[in-house]
Amino acid sequence: MQTATPVQRRVSRPRADALRNRERIVTAAREMFVEFGPDVPFDEIARRAGVGNATVYRNFPDRDSLAREVVCSVMDRLSEGAERALAETGDAFDALSHFVHASADERISALCPMVSTAFDQNHPDLEAASERVIRLVEALMGRARAAGQLRPDVGVGDLMIAVAQLSRPPAGTDCLSLDRFVHRHLQLFLDGLRAPARSELPGTPAIVEDLRKA
């Protein structure tokens, strides 16, 4: 099992009550970014978090800093999910499948646009969190591939693109109402990843660098 060192945020250590408030703000912001997009007003986030506007601005002086923390917190949970999957001693492909379904529940499809438009993609916190996820997912896929269960012509980029796309609701539909379809469609995708492959894929496996250039 590979265990990555948790990503350390570049913030001072707050008191226990201040830490709880910060966590409530990040949780509320994540929920509202998913439901309404990254432009949701700070006062609405404060209301859902149960704190005052001043508390939000004290923790996050601008929208970019809050959006970045939300995305990094989601990436941290993805890494933790990958570590749990790597710790599973049973079927390697089942472990990969568990990670894929758990990743969809993190709503990464709704947060992906924020990475490219809301803030600096090269921020060290974001880069560290992203590299940790990639390293763990590559290990998870590598184990399934070594067991002869994962087709050899797919890369970590293929997996992450599919999870984001298949968990994204079509335009004009309610994000939350699509939950009942997400895991069904993800399972269809996972079945297509199994070895031996039933067809030859066009192009080459997608790597992380391909995602960054897109």
C-alpha atoms as a PDB file:
ATOM      1  CA  MET A   1       0.000   0.000   0.000  1.00  0.00           C
ATOM      2  CA  GLN A   2       1.182   3.496  -0.788  1.00  0.00           C
ATOM      3  CA  THR A   3       0.432   6.178   1.733  1.00  0.00           C
ATOM      4  CA  ALA A   4       0.884   9.762   0.673  1.00  0.00           C
ATOM      5  CA  THR A   5       1.852  12.520   3.026  1.00  0.00           C
ATOM      6  CA  PRO A   6      -1.233  14.708   3.672  1.00  0.00           C
ATOM      7  CA  VAL A   7      -1.123  18.047   1.911  1.00  0.00           C
ATOM      8  CA  GLN A   8      -0.312  20.883   4.297  1.00  0.00           C
ATOM      9  CA  ARG A   9      -2.224  24.107   3.708  1.00  0.00           C
ATOM     10  CA  ARG A  10      -0.310  27.352   3.978  1.00  0.00           C
ATOM     11  CA  VAL A  11      -2.387  28.776   6.810  1.00  0.00           C
ATOM     12  CA  SER A  12      -1.695  29.268  10.514  1.00  0.00           C
ATOM     13  CA  ARG A  13      -3.249  26.826  12.968  1.00  0.00           C
ATOM     14  CA  PRO A  14      -6.545  28.309  14.241  1.00  0.00           C
ATOM     15  CA  ARG A  15      -8.270  27.683  17.572  1.00  0.00           C
ATOM     16  CA  ALA A  16     -10.677  24.734  17.760  1.00  0.00           C
ATOM     17  CA  ASP A  17     -13.786  26.899  17.348  1.00  0.00           C
ATOM     18  CA  ALA A  18     -12.195  28.837  14.490  1.00  0.00           C
ATOM     19  CA  LEU A  19     -11.212  25.562  12.816  1.00  0.00           C
ATOM     20  CA  ARG A  20     -14.793  24.308  13.086  1.00  0.00           C
ATOM     21  CA  ASN A  21     -16.073  27.503  11.507  1.00  0.00           C
ATOM     22  CA  ARG A  22     -13.569  27.203   8.674  1.00  0.00           C
ATOM     23  CA  GLU A  23     -14.620  23.609   8.003  1.00  0.00           C
ATOM     24  CA  ARG A  24     -18.300  24.613   8.022  1.00  0.00           C
ATOM     25  CA  ILE A  25     -17.598  27.389   5.522  1.00  0.00           C
ATOM     26  CA  VAL A  26     -15.721  25.041   3.175  1.00  0.00           C
ATOM     27  CA  THR A  27     -18.480  22.427   3.412  1.00  0.00           C
ATOM     28  CA  ALA A  28     -21.213  24.990   2.745  1.00  0.00           C
ATOM     29  CA  ALA A  29     -19.249  26.511  -0.137  1.00  0.00           C
ATOM     30  CA  ARG A  30     -18.724  23.112  -1.743  1.00  0.00           C
ATOM     31  CA  GLU A  31     -22.443  22.336  -1.555  1.00  0.00           C
ATOM     32  CA  MET A  32     -23.422  25.708  -3.005  1.00  0.00           C
ATOM     33  CA  PHE A  33     -20.766  25.672  -5.738  1.00  0.00           C
ATOM     34  CA  VAL A  34     -22.176  22.330  -6.835  1.00  0.00           C
ATOM     35  CA  GLU A  35     -25.769  23.552  -6.759  1.00  0.00           C
ATOM     36  CA  PHE A  36     -25.372  27.110  -8.087  1.00  0.00           C
ATOM     37  CA  GLY A  37     -21.872  27.498  -9.543  1.00  0.00           C
ATOM     38  CA  PRO A  38     -18.780  29.381  -8.340  1.00  0.00           C
ATOM     39  CA  ASP A  39     -20.438  32.834  -8.341  1.00  0.00           C
ATOM     40  CA  VAL A  40     -22.777  32.161  -5.413  1.00  0.00           C
ATOM     41  CA  PRO A  41     -22.748  35.195  -3.043  1.00  0.00           C
ATOM     42  CA  PHE A  42     -20.617  34.984   0.090  1.00  0.00           C
ATOM     43  CA  ASP A  43     -23.558  35.973   2.280  1.00  0.00           C
ATOM     44  CA  GLU A  44     -25.464  32.897   1.070  1.00  0.00           C
ATOM     45  CA  ILE A  45     -22.479  30.706   1.901  1.00  0.00           C
ATOM     46  CA  ALA A  46     -22.256  32.324   5.337  1.00  0.00           C
ATOM     47  CA  ARG A  47     -25.966  31.722   5.931  1.00  0.00           C
ATOM     48  CA  ARG A  48     -25.717  28.029   5.063  1.00  0.00           C
ATOM     49  CA  ALA A  49     -22.565  27.637   7.169  1.00  0.00           C
ATOM     50  CA  GLY A  50     -24.281  29.325  10.124  1.00  0.00           C
ATOM     51  CA  VAL A  51     -21.630  32.023  10.497  1.00  0.00           C
ATOM     52  CA  GLY A  52     -21.433  35.752   9.885  1.00  0.00           C
ATOM     53  CA  ASN A  53     -20.113  37.336   6.701  1.00  0.00           C
ATOM     54  CA  ALA A  54     -17.122  38.669   8.631  1.00  0.00           C
ATOM     55  CA  THR A  55     -16.137  35.132   9.601  1.00  0.00           C
ATOM     56  CA  VAL A  56     -16.150  34.061   5.951  1.00  0.00           C
ATOM     57  CA  TYR A  57     -13.976  37.006   4.892  1.00  0.00           C
ATOM     58  CA  ARG A  58     -11.644  36.520   7.854  1.00  0.00           C
ATOM     59  CA  ASN A  59     -10.920  32.976   6.674  1.00  0.00           C
ATOM     60  CA  PHE A  60     -11.116  33.628   2.932  1.00  0.00           C
ATOM     61  CA  PRO A  61     -10.442  37.229   1.863  1.00  0.00           C
ATOM     62  CA  ASP A  62     -11.525  36.589  -1.740  1.00  0.00           C
ATOM     63  CA  ARG A  63     -13.435  34.110  -3.864  1.00  0.00           C
ATOM     64  CA  ASP A  64     -10.292  32.545  -5.313  1.00  0.00           C
ATOM     65  CA  SER A  65      -8.945  31.562  -1.899  1.00  0.00           C
ATOM     66  CA  LEU A  66     -12.259  29.940  -0.937  1.00  0.00           C
ATOM     67  CA  ALA A  67     -12.662  28.139  -4.277  1.00  0.00           C
ATOM     68  CA  ARG A  68      -9.111  26.840  -4.060  1.00  0.00           C
ATOM     69  CA  GLU A  69      -9.657  25.501  -0.550  1.00  0.00           C
ATOM     70  CA  VAL A  70     -12.879  23.780  -1.644  1.00  0.00           C
ATOM     71  CA  VAL A  71     -11.161  22.067  -4.576  1.00  0.00           C
ATOM     72  CA  CYS A  72      -8.149  21.079  -2.447  1.00  0.00           C
ATOM     73  CA  SER A  73     -10.419  19.624   0.237  1.00  0.00           C
ATOM     74  CA  VAL A  74     -12.215  17.523  -2.378  1.00  0.00           C
ATOM     75  CA  MET A  75      -8.868  16.325  -3.747  1.00  0.00           C
ATOM     76  CA  ASP A  76      -7.793  15.384  -0.228  1.00  0.00           C
ATOM     77  CA  ARG A  77     -10.900  13.228   0.137  1.00  0.00           C
ATOM     78  CA  LEU A  78     -10.217  11.623  -3.242  1.00  0.00           C
ATOM     79  CA  SER A  79      -6.720  10.762  -2.030  1.00  0.00           C
ATOM     80  CA  GLU A  80      -8.089   9.313   1.179  1.00  0.00           C
ATOM     81  CA  GLY A  81     -10.540   7.241  -0.868  1.00  0.00           C
ATOM     82  CA  ALA A  82      -7.709   5.965  -3.067  1.00  0.00           C
ATOM     83  CA  GLU A  83      -5.677   5.053   0.010  1.00  0.00           C
ATOM     84  CA  ARG A  84      -8.618   3.091   1.413  1.00  0.00           C
ATOM     85  CA  ALA A  85      -9.006   1.308  -1.922  1.00  0.00           C
ATOM     86  CA  LEU A  86      -5.296   0.451  -1.972  1.00  0.00           C
ATOM     87  CA  ALA A  87      -5.634  -0.979   1.532  1.00  0.00           C
ATOM     88  CA  GLU A  88      -8.297  -3.434   0.347  1.00  0.00           C
ATOM     89  CA  THR A  89      -6.853  -6.934   0.137  1.00  0.00           C
ATOM     90  CA  GLY A  90      -9.479  -8.431  -2.154  1.00  0.00           C
ATOM     91  CA  ASP A  91     -10.148  -8.057  -5.860  1.00  0.00           C
ATOM     92  CA  ALA A  92      -8.005  -5.254  -7.355  1.00  0.00           C
ATOM     93  CA  PHE A  93     -10.604  -4.226  -9.933  1.00  0.00           C
ATOM     94  CA  ASP A  94     -13.330  -4.087  -7.278  1.00  0.00           C
ATOM     95  CA  ALA A  95     -11.117  -1.730  -5.273  1.00  0.00           C
ATOM     96  CA  LEU A  96     -10.727   0.498  -8.327  1.00  0.00           C
ATOM     97  CA  SER A  97     -14.496   0.426  -8.876  1.00  0.00           C
ATOM     98  CA  HIS A  98     -15.152   1.462  -5.270  1.00  0.00           C
ATOM     99  CA  PHE A  99     -12.842   4.444  -5.738  1.00  0.00           C
ATOM    100  CA  VAL A 100     -14.543   5.504  -8.980  1.00  0.00           C
ATOM    101  CA  HIS A 101     -18.014   5.458  -7.442  1.00  0.00           C
ATOM    102  CA  ALA A 102     -16.822   7.319  -4.337  1.00  0.00           C
ATOM    103  CA  SER A 103     -15.154   9.945  -6.545  1.00  0.00           C
ATOM    104  CA  ALA A 104     -18.442  10.616  -8.340  1.00  0.00           C
ATOM    105  CA  ASP A 105     -20.072  11.324  -4.982  1.00  0.00           C
ATOM    106  CA  GLU A 106     -17.553  14.131  -4.451  1.00  0.00           C
ATOM    107  CA  ARG A 107     -19.145  16.021  -7.394  1.00  0.00           C
ATOM    108  CA  ILE A 108     -15.826  16.590  -9.111  1.00  0.00           C
ATOM    109  CA  SER A 109     -17.689  17.330 -12.338  1.00  0.00           C
ATOM    110  CA  ALA A 110     -19.134  20.505 -10.840  1.00  0.00           C
ATOM    111  CA  LEU A 111     -15.782  21.603  -9.445  1.00  0.00           C
ATOM    112  CA  CYS A 112     -13.659  20.945 -12.554  1.00  0.00           C
ATOM    113  CA  PRO A 113     -14.562  24.254 -14.278  1.00  0.00           C
ATOM    114  CA  MET A 114     -13.403  26.147 -11.183  1.00  0.00           C
ATOM    115  CA  VAL A 115      -9.898  24.729 -11.532  1.00  0.00           C
ATOM    116  CA  SER A 116      -9.496  26.257 -15.002  1.00  0.00           C
ATOM    117  CA  THR A 117     -11.294  29.558 -14.468  1.00  0.00           C
ATOM    118  CA  ALA A 118     -11.565  30.538 -10.805  1.00  0.00           C
ATOM    119  CA  PHE A 119      -7.956  30.703  -9.631  1.00  0.00           C
ATOM    120  CA  ASP A 120      -4.285  30.077 -10.320  1.00  0.00           C
ATOM    121  CA  GLN A 121      -3.841  26.475 -11.475  1.00  0.00           C
ATOM    122  CA  ASN A 122      -0.182  26.582 -10.451  1.00  0.00           C
ATOM    123  CA  HIS A 123      -0.823  27.447  -6.825  1.00  0.00           C
ATOM    124  CA  PRO A 124       1.380  25.142  -4.679  1.00  0.00           C
ATOM    125  CA  ASP A 125      -1.549  23.895  -2.565  1.00  0.00           C
ATOM    126  CA  LEU A 126      -3.495  22.875  -5.663  1.00  0.00           C
ATOM    127  CA  GLU A 127      -0.474  21.290  -7.334  1.00  0.00           C
ATOM    128  CA  ALA A 128       0.407  19.277  -4.221  1.00  0.00           C
ATOM    129  CA  ALA A 129      -3.166  18.025  -3.773  1.00  0.00           C
ATOM    130  CA  SER A 130      -3.440  17.138  -7.464  1.00  0.00           C
ATOM    131  CA  GLU A 131      -0.119  15.274  -7.544  1.00  0.00           C
ATOM    132  CA  ARG A 132      -1.131  13.245  -4.506  1.00  0.00           C
ATOM    133  CA  VAL A 133      -4.392  12.157  -6.171  1.00  0.00           C
ATOM    134  CA  ILE A 134      -2.645  11.260  -9.416  1.00  0.00           C
ATOM    135  CA  ARG A 135       0.061   9.226  -7.686  1.00  0.00           C
ATOM    136  CA  LEU A 136      -2.470   7.190  -5.720  1.00  0.00           C
ATOM    137  CA  VAL A 137      -4.826   6.603  -8.661  1.00  0.00           C
ATOM    138  CA  GLU A 138      -1.907   5.469 -10.813  1.00  0.00           C
ATOM    139  CA  ALA A 139      -0.994   2.970  -8.095  1.00  0.00           C
ATOM    140  CA  LEU A 140      -4.590   1.774  -7.896  1.00  0.00           C
ATOM    141  CA  MET A 141      -4.813   1.312 -11.660  1.00  0.00           C
ATOM    142  CA  GLY A 142      -1.387  -0.293 -11.774  1.00  0.00           C
ATOM    143  CA  ARG A 143      -2.435  -2.935  -9.281  1.00  0.00           C
ATOM    144  CA  ALA A 144      -5.539  -3.817 -11.301  1.00  0.00           C
ATOM    145  CA  ARG A 145      -3.470  -3.871 -14.493  1.00  0.00           C
ATOM    146  CA  ALA A 146      -0.851  -6.150 -12.902  1.00  0.00           C
ATOM    147  CA  ALA A 147      -3.641  -8.524 -11.889  1.00  0.00           C
ATOM    148  CA  GLY A 148      -4.685  -8.757 -15.551  1.00  0.00           C
ATOM    149  CA  GLN A 149      -8.056  -7.147 -14.793  1.00  0.00           C
ATOM    150  CA  LEU A 150      -7.609  -3.676 -16.320  1.00  0.00           C
ATOM    151  CA  ARG A 151      -7.131  -3.230 -20.048  1.00  0.00           C
ATOM    152  CA  PRO A 152      -3.629  -1.898 -20.772  1.00  0.00           C
ATOM    153  CA  ASP A 153      -4.618   0.901 -23.155  1.00  0.00           C
ATOM    154  CA  VAL A 154      -6.149   3.314 -20.602  1.00  0.00           C
ATOM    155  CA  GLY A 155      -4.422   5.929 -18.465  1.00  0.00           C
ATOM    156  CA  VAL A 156      -5.253   7.857 -15.316  1.00  0.00           C
ATOM    157  CA  GLY A 157      -6.436  10.739 -17.510  1.00  0.00           C
ATOM    158  CA  ASP A 158      -8.992   8.486 -19.196  1.00  0.00           C
ATOM    159  CA  LEU A 159     -10.354   7.459 -15.818  1.00  0.00           C
ATOM    160  CA  MET A 160     -10.631  10.952 -14.345  1.00  0.00           C
ATOM    161  CA  ILE A 161     -12.178  12.424 -17.507  1.00  0.00           C
ATOM    162  CA  ALA A 162     -14.829   9.709 -17.533  1.00  0.00           C
ATOM    163  CA  VAL A 163     -15.698  10.169 -13.859  1.00  0.00           C
ATOM    164  CA  ALA A 164     -16.071  13.929 -14.365  1.00  0.00           C
ATOM    165  CA  GLN A 165     -18.096  13.629 -17.562  1.00  0.00           C
ATOM    166  CA  LEU A 166     -20.400  10.835 -16.458  1.00  0.00           C
ATOM    167  CA  SER A 167     -21.247  12.571 -13.184  1.00  0.00           C
ATOM    168  CA  ARG A 168     -22.024  15.896 -14.895  1.00  0.00           C
ATOM    169  CA  PRO A 169     -25.729  16.560 -15.492  1.00  0.00           C
ATOM    170  CA  PRO A 170     -26.794  17.538 -19.030  1.00  0.00           C
ATOM    171  CA  ALA A 171     -27.469  21.226 -19.606  1.00  0.00           C
ATOM    172  CA  GLY A 172     -30.868  22.333 -18.388  1.00  0.00           C
ATOM    173  CA  THR A 173     -31.271  19.552 -15.832  1.00  0.00           C
ATOM    174  CA  ASP A 174     -31.206  19.604 -12.052  1.00  0.00           C
ATOM    175  CA  CYS A 175     -27.797  18.479 -10.793  1.00  0.00           C
ATOM    176  CA  LEU A 176     -29.146  16.622  -7.781  1.00  0.00           C
ATOM    177  CA  SER A 177     -31.909  14.831  -9.716  1.00  0.00           C
ATOM    178  CA  LEU A 178     -29.318  12.980 -11.825  1.00  0.00           C
ATOM    179  CA  ASP A 179     -27.932  11.022  -8.864  1.00  0.00           C
ATOM    180  CA  ARG A 180     -29.920   7.918  -9.718  1.00  0.00           C
ATOM    181  CA  PHE A 181     -28.249   7.687 -13.140  1.00  0.00           C
ATOM    182  CA  VAL A 182     -24.649   8.501 -12.226  1.00  0.00           C
ATOM    183  CA  HIS A 183     -23.624   5.210 -10.655  1.00  0.00           C
ATOM    184  CA  ARG A 184     -25.493   3.200 -13.276  1.00  0.00           C
ATOM    185  CA  HIS A 185     -23.562   4.902 -16.080  1.00  0.00           C
ATOM    186  CA  LEU A 186     -20.275   4.701 -14.202  1.00  0.00           C
ATOM    187  CA  GLN A 187     -20.731   0.951 -13.871  1.00  0.00           C
ATOM    188  CA  LEU A 188     -21.225   0.669 -17.628  1.00  0.00           C
ATOM    189  CA  PHE A 189     -17.953   2.563 -18.071  1.00  0.00           C
ATOM    190  CA  LEU A 190     -16.143   0.339 -15.572  1.00  0.00           C
ATOM    191  CA  ASP A 191     -17.291  -2.770 -17.390  1.00  0.00           C
ATOM    192  CA  GLY A 192     -15.611  -1.344 -20.494  1.00  0.00           C
ATOM    193  CA  LEU A 193     -12.298  -1.049 -18.615  1.00  0.00           C
ATOM    194  CA  ARG A 194     -12.070  -4.738 -17.846  1.00  0.00           C
ATOM    195  CA  ALA A 195      -9.506  -6.939 -19.538  1.00  0.00           C
ATOM    196  CA  PRO A 196      -9.545  -8.577 -21.982  1.00  0.00           C
ATOM    197  CA  ALA A 197     -10.617  -5.620 -24.110  1.00  0.00           C
ATOM    198  CA  ARG A 198     -13.502  -6.186 -26.521  1.00  0.00           C
ATOM    199  CA  SER A 199     -12.324  -3.495 -28.954  1.00  0.00           C
ATOM    200  CA  GLU A 200      -9.337  -1.350 -29.897  1.00  0.00           C
ATOM    201  CA  LEU A 201      -9.428   2.221 -28.627  1.00  0.00           C
ATOM    202  CA  PRO A 202      -8.611   5.063 -31.044  1.00  0.00           C
ATOM    203  CA  GLY A 203      -5.759   7.357 -30.089  1.00  0.00           C
ATOM    204  CA  THR A 204      -3.450   6.880 -27.112  1.00  0.00           C
ATOM    205  CA  PRO A 205      -4.086   6.618 -23.349  1.00  0.00           C
ATOM    206  CA  ALA A 206      -4.773   9.999 -21.763  1.00  0.00           C
ATOM    207  CA  ILE A 207      -2.175  11.151 -19.270  1.00  0.00           C
ATOM    208  CA  VAL A 208      -2.416  13.988 -16.767  1.00  0.00           C
ATOM    209  CA  GLU A 209      -0.464  16.337 -19.015  1.00  0.00           C
ATOM    210  CA  ASP A 210      -3.168  15.906 -21.658  1.00  0.00           C
ATOM    211  CA  LEU A 211      -5.760  17.150 -19.163  1.00  0.00           C
ATOM    212  CA  ARG A 212      -3.696  20.213 -18.343  1.00  0.00           C
ATOM    213  CA  LYS A 213      -3.316  21.110 -22.025  1.00  0.00           C
ATOM    214  CA  ALA A 214      -7.033  20.650 -22.804  1.00  0.00           C
END
